[in-house]
Amino acid sequence: MFLDYFALGVLCFVAVFLFYGIIAIHDIPYEISKKRNHPHQDAIHYAGWVSLFTLHVLWPFLWIWATLWREDRGWGFTQIQNEQNELHHEVMKLSEHVERLTEKVAQLEVAQAQQMNATTSENDPKQGDER
């Protein structure tokens, strides 16, 4: 008789232990997000509870979602964004430089054309009279 009650106690203890263990495991992504000061803590917490009812399908994705964010670097895209901003700035500088060079070439072409006209009219004075 004692062994029956002991077995029932062990069975209840194991059931309660598994129940709370599963809940604690599903709170791991939320705890990670809380530790990292994640901007979507509440969503991760609620999705963890939803994952209990969807046969744990969402849980690995929640773990990934919680671990992607770090407070010191965010999602990790700031370095790429800074590089793109620097490249954009360099492209703008180069385009301005090309515009200045194009204007300078146009001025040189006009000056060369004027010089050619001046030398042509000096060499051939009859052409100036015919016009």
N, C-alpha and C. Protein backbone atom coordinates (compact mmCIF):
# COMPACT_ATOMS: atom_id res chain seq x y z
N MET A 1 0.82 -1.19 0.00
CA MET A 1 0.00 0.00 0.00
C MET A 1 0.87 1.26 0.00
N PHE A 2 1.94 1.24 0.77
CA PHE A 2 2.83 2.39 0.84
C PHE A 2 3.45 2.66 -0.52
N LEU A 3 3.83 1.61 -1.24
CA LEU A 3 4.45 1.78 -2.55
C LEU A 3 3.48 2.39 -3.56
N ASP A 4 2.19 2.09 -3.42
CA ASP A 4 1.20 2.70 -4.32
C ASP A 4 1.16 4.22 -4.13
N TYR A 5 1.13 4.67 -2.89
CA TYR A 5 1.09 6.11 -2.61
C TYR A 5 2.42 6.77 -3.01
N PHE A 6 3.50 6.08 -2.78
CA PHE A 6 4.81 6.60 -3.15
C PHE A 6 4.90 6.76 -4.68
N ALA A 7 4.43 5.75 -5.42
CA ALA A 7 4.44 5.81 -6.89
C ALA A 7 3.54 6.95 -7.37
N LEU A 8 2.37 7.12 -6.72
CA LEU A 8 1.48 8.22 -7.09
C LEU A 8 2.15 9.57 -6.82
N GLY A 9 2.84 9.70 -5.71
CA GLY A 9 3.56 10.94 -5.39
C GLY A 9 4.67 11.23 -6.39
N VAL A 10 5.43 10.20 -6.76
CA VAL A 10 6.50 10.37 -7.75
C VAL A 10 5.90 10.76 -9.09
N LEU A 11 4.80 10.13 -9.48
CA LEU A 11 4.13 10.44 -10.74
C LEU A 11 3.65 11.89 -10.76
N CYS A 12 3.04 12.35 -9.68
CA CYS A 12 2.58 13.75 -9.60
C CYS A 12 3.76 14.71 -9.63
N PHE A 13 4.83 14.36 -8.89
CA PHE A 13 6.02 15.21 -8.88
C PHE A 13 6.62 15.33 -10.28
N VAL A 14 6.73 14.24 -10.99
CA VAL A 14 7.29 14.25 -12.35
C VAL A 14 6.39 15.05 -13.29
N ALA A 15 5.08 14.90 -13.17
CA ALA A 15 4.15 15.64 -14.03
C ALA A 15 4.28 17.15 -13.78
N VAL A 16 4.32 17.54 -12.51
CA VAL A 16 4.44 18.97 -12.18
C VAL A 16 5.82 19.48 -12.63
N PHE A 17 6.87 18.69 -12.41
CA PHE A 17 8.21 19.08 -12.81
C PHE A 17 8.29 19.27 -14.32
N LEU A 18 7.72 18.37 -15.10
CA LEU A 18 7.72 18.50 -16.57
C LEU A 18 6.90 19.71 -17.01
N PHE A 19 5.76 19.93 -16.37
CA PHE A 19 4.90 21.07 -16.72
C PHE A 19 5.65 22.39 -16.53
N TYR A 20 6.25 22.58 -15.37
CA TYR A 20 6.99 23.81 -15.11
C TYR A 20 8.29 23.87 -15.91
N GLY A 21 8.88 22.73 -16.18
CA GLY A 21 10.09 22.69 -17.00
C GLY A 21 9.82 23.17 -18.41
N ILE A 22 8.70 22.72 -18.99
CA ILE A 22 8.34 23.15 -20.34
C ILE A 22 8.06 24.65 -20.37
N ILE A 23 7.38 25.15 -19.35
CA ILE A 23 7.12 26.59 -19.29
C ILE A 23 8.42 27.37 -19.14
N ALA A 24 9.33 26.87 -18.30
CA ALA A 24 10.61 27.56 -18.11
C ALA A 24 11.44 27.55 -19.39
N ILE A 25 11.41 26.43 -20.11
CA ILE A 25 12.15 26.36 -21.37
C ILE A 25 11.60 27.35 -22.39
N HIS A 26 10.28 27.51 -22.41
CA HIS A 26 9.70 28.42 -23.38
C HIS A 26 9.89 29.89 -23.00
N ASP A 27 10.32 30.14 -21.78
CA ASP A 27 10.63 31.52 -21.40
C ASP A 27 12.09 31.89 -21.66
N ILE A 28 12.90 30.96 -22.11
CA ILE A 28 14.31 31.25 -22.37
C ILE A 28 14.48 32.37 -23.40
N PRO A 29 13.78 32.35 -24.57
CA PRO A 29 13.94 33.47 -25.51
C PRO A 29 13.53 34.82 -24.91
N TYR A 30 12.48 34.80 -24.07
CA TYR A 30 12.07 36.04 -23.43
C TYR A 30 13.14 36.53 -22.46
N GLU A 31 13.73 35.63 -21.71
CA GLU A 31 14.79 36.02 -20.77
C GLU A 31 16.01 36.56 -21.52
N ILE A 32 16.34 35.95 -22.65
CA ILE A 32 17.44 36.46 -23.47
C ILE A 32 17.12 37.86 -23.96
N SER A 33 15.89 38.05 -24.45
CA SER A 33 15.52 39.38 -24.96
C SER A 33 15.49 40.42 -23.85
N LYS A 34 15.09 40.01 -22.65
CA LYS A 34 15.08 40.94 -21.53
C LYS A 34 16.50 41.32 -21.14
N LYS A 35 17.40 40.34 -21.14
CA LYS A 35 18.80 40.60 -20.79
C LYS A 35 19.46 41.53 -21.81
N ARG A 36 19.10 41.38 -23.09
CA ARG A 36 19.71 42.18 -24.14
C ARG A 36 18.95 43.49 -24.41
N ASN A 37 17.92 43.74 -23.63
CA ASN A 37 17.10 44.95 -23.79
C ASN A 37 16.54 45.02 -25.22
N HIS A 38 15.96 43.93 -25.64
CA HIS A 38 15.41 43.78 -26.98
C HIS A 38 14.18 44.69 -27.15
N PRO A 39 14.03 45.35 -28.31
CA PRO A 39 12.87 46.23 -28.49
C PRO A 39 11.55 45.48 -28.64
N HIS A 40 11.60 44.17 -28.90
CA HIS A 40 10.37 43.39 -29.09
C HIS A 40 10.18 42.35 -27.99
N GLN A 41 10.50 42.70 -26.76
CA GLN A 41 10.41 41.76 -25.65
C GLN A 41 9.02 41.19 -25.48
N ASP A 42 8.03 42.06 -25.52
CA ASP A 42 6.66 41.61 -25.30
C ASP A 42 6.20 40.64 -26.39
N ALA A 43 6.54 40.95 -27.62
CA ALA A 43 6.15 40.07 -28.72
C ALA A 43 6.80 38.70 -28.59
N ILE A 44 8.06 38.67 -28.18
CA ILE A 44 8.75 37.39 -27.99
C ILE A 44 8.11 36.62 -26.85
N HIS A 45 7.73 37.32 -25.79
CA HIS A 45 7.10 36.65 -24.65
C HIS A 45 5.76 36.05 -25.04
N TYR A 46 4.93 36.82 -25.73
CA TYR A 46 3.62 36.30 -26.15
C TYR A 46 3.76 35.17 -27.15
N ALA A 47 4.70 35.31 -28.07
CA ALA A 47 4.91 34.25 -29.06
C ALA A 47 5.41 32.98 -28.39
N GLY A 48 6.13 33.10 -27.28
CA GLY A 48 6.55 31.92 -26.53
C GLY A 48 5.37 31.17 -25.97
N TRP A 49 4.38 31.90 -25.48
CA TRP A 49 3.17 31.24 -24.98
C TRP A 49 2.36 30.64 -26.12
N VAL A 50 2.32 31.32 -27.24
CA VAL A 50 1.62 30.75 -28.40
C VAL A 50 2.33 29.48 -28.86
N SER A 51 3.64 29.47 -28.74
CA SER A 51 4.41 28.30 -29.16
C SER A 51 4.06 27.07 -28.32
N LEU A 52 3.65 27.27 -27.08
CA LEU A 52 3.21 26.13 -26.26
C LEU A 52 2.02 25.43 -26.89
N PHE A 53 1.15 26.21 -27.52
CA PHE A 53 -0.07 25.63 -28.10
C PHE A 53 0.09 25.24 -29.56
N THR A 54 1.24 25.54 -30.17
CA THR A 54 1.48 25.14 -31.57
C THR A 54 2.54 24.05 -31.66
N LEU A 55 2.63 23.26 -30.60
CA LEU A 55 3.55 22.13 -30.56
C LEU A 55 5.00 22.57 -30.76
N HIS A 56 5.34 23.71 -30.21
CA HIS A 56 6.72 24.21 -30.15
C HIS A 56 7.31 24.55 -31.53
N VAL A 57 6.48 24.82 -32.50
CA VAL A 57 6.97 25.14 -33.84
C VAL A 57 7.68 26.49 -33.86
N LEU A 58 7.17 27.46 -33.12
CA LEU A 58 7.72 28.81 -33.15
C LEU A 58 8.97 28.98 -32.29
N TRP A 59 9.18 28.09 -31.35
CA TRP A 59 10.22 28.30 -30.35
C TRP A 59 11.62 28.49 -30.93
N PRO A 60 12.09 27.69 -31.89
CA PRO A 60 13.43 27.94 -32.43
C PRO A 60 13.56 29.31 -33.10
N PHE A 61 12.49 29.76 -33.75
CA PHE A 61 12.52 31.07 -34.39
C PHE A 61 12.55 32.19 -33.34
N LEU A 62 11.88 31.96 -32.23
CA LEU A 62 11.92 32.95 -31.14
C LEU A 62 13.32 33.05 -30.55
N TRP A 63 13.97 31.92 -30.43
CA TRP A 63 15.35 31.91 -29.92
C TRP A 63 16.25 32.73 -30.85
N ILE A 64 16.12 32.50 -32.15
CA ILE A 64 16.93 33.24 -33.13
C ILE A 64 16.59 34.73 -33.07
N TRP A 65 15.30 35.04 -33.01
CA TRP A 65 14.85 36.43 -32.97
C TRP A 65 15.41 37.15 -31.73
N ALA A 66 15.41 36.46 -30.61
CA ALA A 66 15.90 37.08 -29.37
C ALA A 66 17.41 37.27 -29.39
N THR A 67 18.13 36.36 -30.03
CA THR A 67 19.59 36.45 -30.00
C THR A 67 20.15 37.36 -31.10
N LEU A 68 19.36 37.73 -32.08
CA LEU A 68 19.87 38.61 -33.14
C LEU A 68 20.14 40.02 -32.65
N TRP A 69 19.40 40.49 -31.69
CA TRP A 69 19.52 41.86 -31.21
C TRP A 69 20.59 41.95 -30.14
N ARG A 70 21.47 42.94 -30.28
CA ARG A 70 22.41 43.28 -29.22
C ARG A 70 22.35 44.78 -29.01
N GLU A 71 22.35 45.19 -27.78
CA GLU A 71 22.15 46.62 -27.47
C GLU A 71 23.28 47.48 -28.02
N ASP A 72 24.50 46.95 -28.05
CA ASP A 72 25.63 47.76 -28.49
C ASP A 72 25.67 47.95 -30.00
N ARG A 73 25.09 47.03 -30.78
CA ARG A 73 25.15 47.16 -32.24
C ARG A 73 23.79 47.01 -32.90
N GLY A 74 22.73 46.87 -32.13
CA GLY A 74 21.40 46.74 -32.71
C GLY A 74 21.26 45.46 -33.49
N TRP A 75 20.73 45.57 -34.69
CA TRP A 75 20.55 44.39 -35.54
C TRP A 75 21.83 44.05 -36.30
N GLY A 76 22.83 44.92 -36.23
CA GLY A 76 24.10 44.65 -36.89
C GLY A 76 24.22 45.27 -38.26
N PHE A 77 23.28 46.12 -38.63
CA PHE A 77 23.30 46.72 -39.96
C PHE A 77 23.86 48.14 -39.95
N THR A 78 24.25 48.66 -38.81
CA THR A 78 24.73 50.05 -38.76
C THR A 78 26.06 50.21 -39.49
N GLN A 79 26.92 49.21 -39.41
CA GLN A 79 28.21 49.31 -40.11
C GLN A 79 27.98 49.37 -41.61
N ILE A 80 27.09 48.54 -42.11
CA ILE A 80 26.78 48.55 -43.55
C ILE A 80 26.17 49.88 -43.94
N GLN A 81 25.28 50.39 -43.11
CA GLN A 81 24.63 51.67 -43.40
C GLN A 81 25.66 52.80 -43.40
N ASN A 82 26.59 52.77 -42.45
CA ASN A 82 27.64 53.81 -42.42
C ASN A 82 28.51 53.73 -43.66
N GLU A 83 28.86 52.52 -44.09
CA GLU A 83 29.66 52.37 -45.30
C GLU A 83 28.91 52.89 -46.52
N GLN A 84 27.62 52.62 -46.58
CA GLN A 84 26.83 53.11 -47.71
C GLN A 84 26.74 54.63 -47.69
N ASN A 85 26.62 55.23 -46.51
CA ASN A 85 26.59 56.69 -46.42
C ASN A 85 27.91 57.29 -46.87
N GLU A 86 29.03 56.67 -46.47
CA GLU A 86 30.34 57.15 -46.91
C GLU A 86 30.49 57.04 -48.43
N LEU A 87 30.06 55.92 -48.99
CA LEU A 87 30.14 55.74 -50.44
C LEU A 87 29.28 56.77 -51.16
N HIS A 88 28.09 57.03 -50.63
CA HIS A 88 27.20 58.03 -51.24
C HIS A 88 27.88 59.41 -51.21
N HIS A 89 28.52 59.73 -50.10
CA HIS A 89 29.20 61.01 -49.98
C HIS A 89 30.34 61.11 -51.01
N GLU A 90 31.11 60.04 -51.17
CA GLU A 90 32.20 60.03 -52.15
C GLU A 90 31.67 60.15 -53.58
N VAL A 91 30.57 59.48 -53.87
CA VAL A 91 29.98 59.57 -55.21
C VAL A 91 29.51 60.99 -55.47
N MET A 92 28.93 61.65 -54.48
CA MET A 92 28.49 63.04 -54.66
C MET A 92 29.69 63.95 -54.92
N LYS A 93 30.79 63.74 -54.20
CA LYS A 93 32.00 64.53 -54.43
C LYS A 93 32.52 64.32 -55.85
N LEU A 94 32.56 63.06 -56.27
CA LEU A 94 33.06 62.75 -57.61
C LEU A 94 32.17 63.34 -58.69
N SER A 95 30.87 63.29 -58.49
CA SER A 95 29.97 63.86 -59.51
C SER A 95 30.14 65.38 -59.59
N GLU A 96 30.34 66.05 -58.46
CA GLU A 96 30.60 67.49 -58.49
C GLU A 96 31.92 67.78 -59.21
N HIS A 97 32.91 66.96 -58.95
CA HIS A 97 34.22 67.13 -59.60
C HIS A 97 34.09 66.93 -61.11
N VAL A 98 33.32 65.94 -61.53
CA VAL A 98 33.11 65.69 -62.96
C VAL A 98 32.38 66.88 -63.60
N GLU A 99 31.40 67.46 -62.91
CA GLU A 99 30.69 68.62 -63.44
C GLU A 99 31.64 69.80 -63.63
N ARG A 100 32.52 70.05 -62.63
CA ARG A 100 33.48 71.14 -62.76
C ARG A 100 34.43 70.90 -63.92
N LEU A 101 34.89 69.66 -64.08
CA LEU A 101 35.79 69.34 -65.18
C LEU A 101 35.09 69.48 -66.53
N THR A 102 33.83 69.12 -66.60
CA THR A 102 33.06 69.27 -67.84
C THR A 102 32.92 70.74 -68.21
N GLU A 103 32.65 71.58 -67.22
CA GLU A 103 32.56 73.02 -67.48
C GLU A 103 33.89 73.57 -67.95
N LYS A 104 34.97 73.11 -67.34
CA LYS A 104 36.30 73.57 -67.72
C LYS A 104 36.64 73.15 -69.15
N VAL A 105 36.29 71.92 -69.52
CA VAL A 105 36.53 71.44 -70.88
C VAL A 105 35.71 72.26 -71.87
N ALA A 106 34.47 72.58 -71.52
CA ALA A 106 33.63 73.39 -72.41
C ALA A 106 34.24 74.78 -72.60
N GLN A 107 34.74 75.37 -71.51
CA GLN A 107 35.38 76.68 -71.61
C GLN A 107 36.63 76.62 -72.49
N LEU A 108 37.41 75.57 -72.33
CA LEU A 108 38.61 75.40 -73.15
C LEU A 108 38.26 75.21 -74.62
N GLU A 109 37.20 74.50 -74.91
CA GLU A 109 36.77 74.31 -76.30
C GLU A 109 36.32 75.63 -76.91
N VAL A 110 35.60 76.45 -76.13
CA VAL A 110 35.17 77.76 -76.62
C VAL A 110 36.39 78.64 -76.87
N ALA A 111 37.32 78.63 -75.94
CA ALA A 111 38.53 79.45 -76.10
C ALA A 111 39.34 78.98 -77.31
N GLN A 112 39.42 77.69 -77.51
CA GLN A 112 40.16 77.15 -78.66
C GLN A 112 39.46 77.53 -79.96
N ALA A 113 38.12 77.47 -79.98
CA ALA A 113 37.38 77.85 -81.18
C ALA A 113 37.59 79.33 -81.48
N GLN A 114 37.58 80.18 -80.44
CA GLN A 114 37.82 81.61 -80.65
C GLN A 114 39.23 81.86 -81.16
N GLN A 115 40.19 81.13 -80.63
CA GLN A 115 41.57 81.29 -81.07
C GLN A 115 41.72 80.84 -82.52
N MET A 116 41.04 79.76 -82.89
CA MET A 116 41.10 79.28 -84.27
C MET A 116 40.47 80.30 -85.21
N ASN A 117 39.35 80.90 -84.80
CA ASN A 117 38.71 81.92 -85.63
C ASN A 117 39.59 83.16 -85.77
N ALA A 118 40.26 83.53 -84.67
CA ALA A 118 41.13 84.70 -84.71
C ALA A 118 42.33 84.47 -85.62
N THR A 119 42.93 83.28 -85.57
CA THR A 119 44.09 82.99 -86.42
C THR A 119 43.66 82.84 -87.87
N THR A 120 42.47 82.32 -88.11
CA THR A 120 41.98 82.18 -89.47
C THR A 120 41.70 83.55 -90.07
N SER A 121 41.09 84.44 -89.34
CA SER A 121 40.78 85.78 -89.88
C SER A 121 42.05 86.61 -90.04
N GLU A 122 43.09 86.41 -89.25
CA GLU A 122 44.35 87.14 -89.42
C GLU A 122 45.10 86.66 -90.66
N ASN A 123 45.05 85.38 -90.94
CA ASN A 123 45.77 84.82 -92.10
C ASN A 123 45.09 85.13 -93.42
N ASP A 124 43.78 85.25 -93.41
CA ASP A 124 43.06 85.44 -94.65
C ASP A 124 42.18 86.68 -94.53
N PRO A 125 42.65 87.88 -94.80
CA PRO A 125 41.85 89.08 -94.63
C PRO A 125 40.73 89.19 -95.65
N LYS A 126 40.76 88.50 -96.74
CA LYS A 126 39.71 88.59 -97.76
C LYS A 126 38.41 87.94 -97.28
N GLN A 127 38.51 86.92 -96.45
CA GLN A 127 37.32 86.24 -95.98
C GLN A 127 36.51 87.17 -95.08
N GLY A 128 37.15 88.04 -94.35
CA GLY A 128 36.44 88.97 -93.49
C GLY A 128 35.64 89.97 -94.30
N ASP A 129 36.09 90.36 -95.56
CA ASP A 129 35.41 91.31 -96.40
C ASP A 129 34.20 90.67 -97.07
N GLU A 130 34.28 89.41 -97.39
CA GLU A 130 33.21 88.74 -98.11
C GLU A 130 31.98 88.53 -97.25
N ARG A 131 32.12 88.52 -96.02
CA ARG A 131 31.00 88.23 -95.15
C ARG A 131 30.12 89.37 -95.08
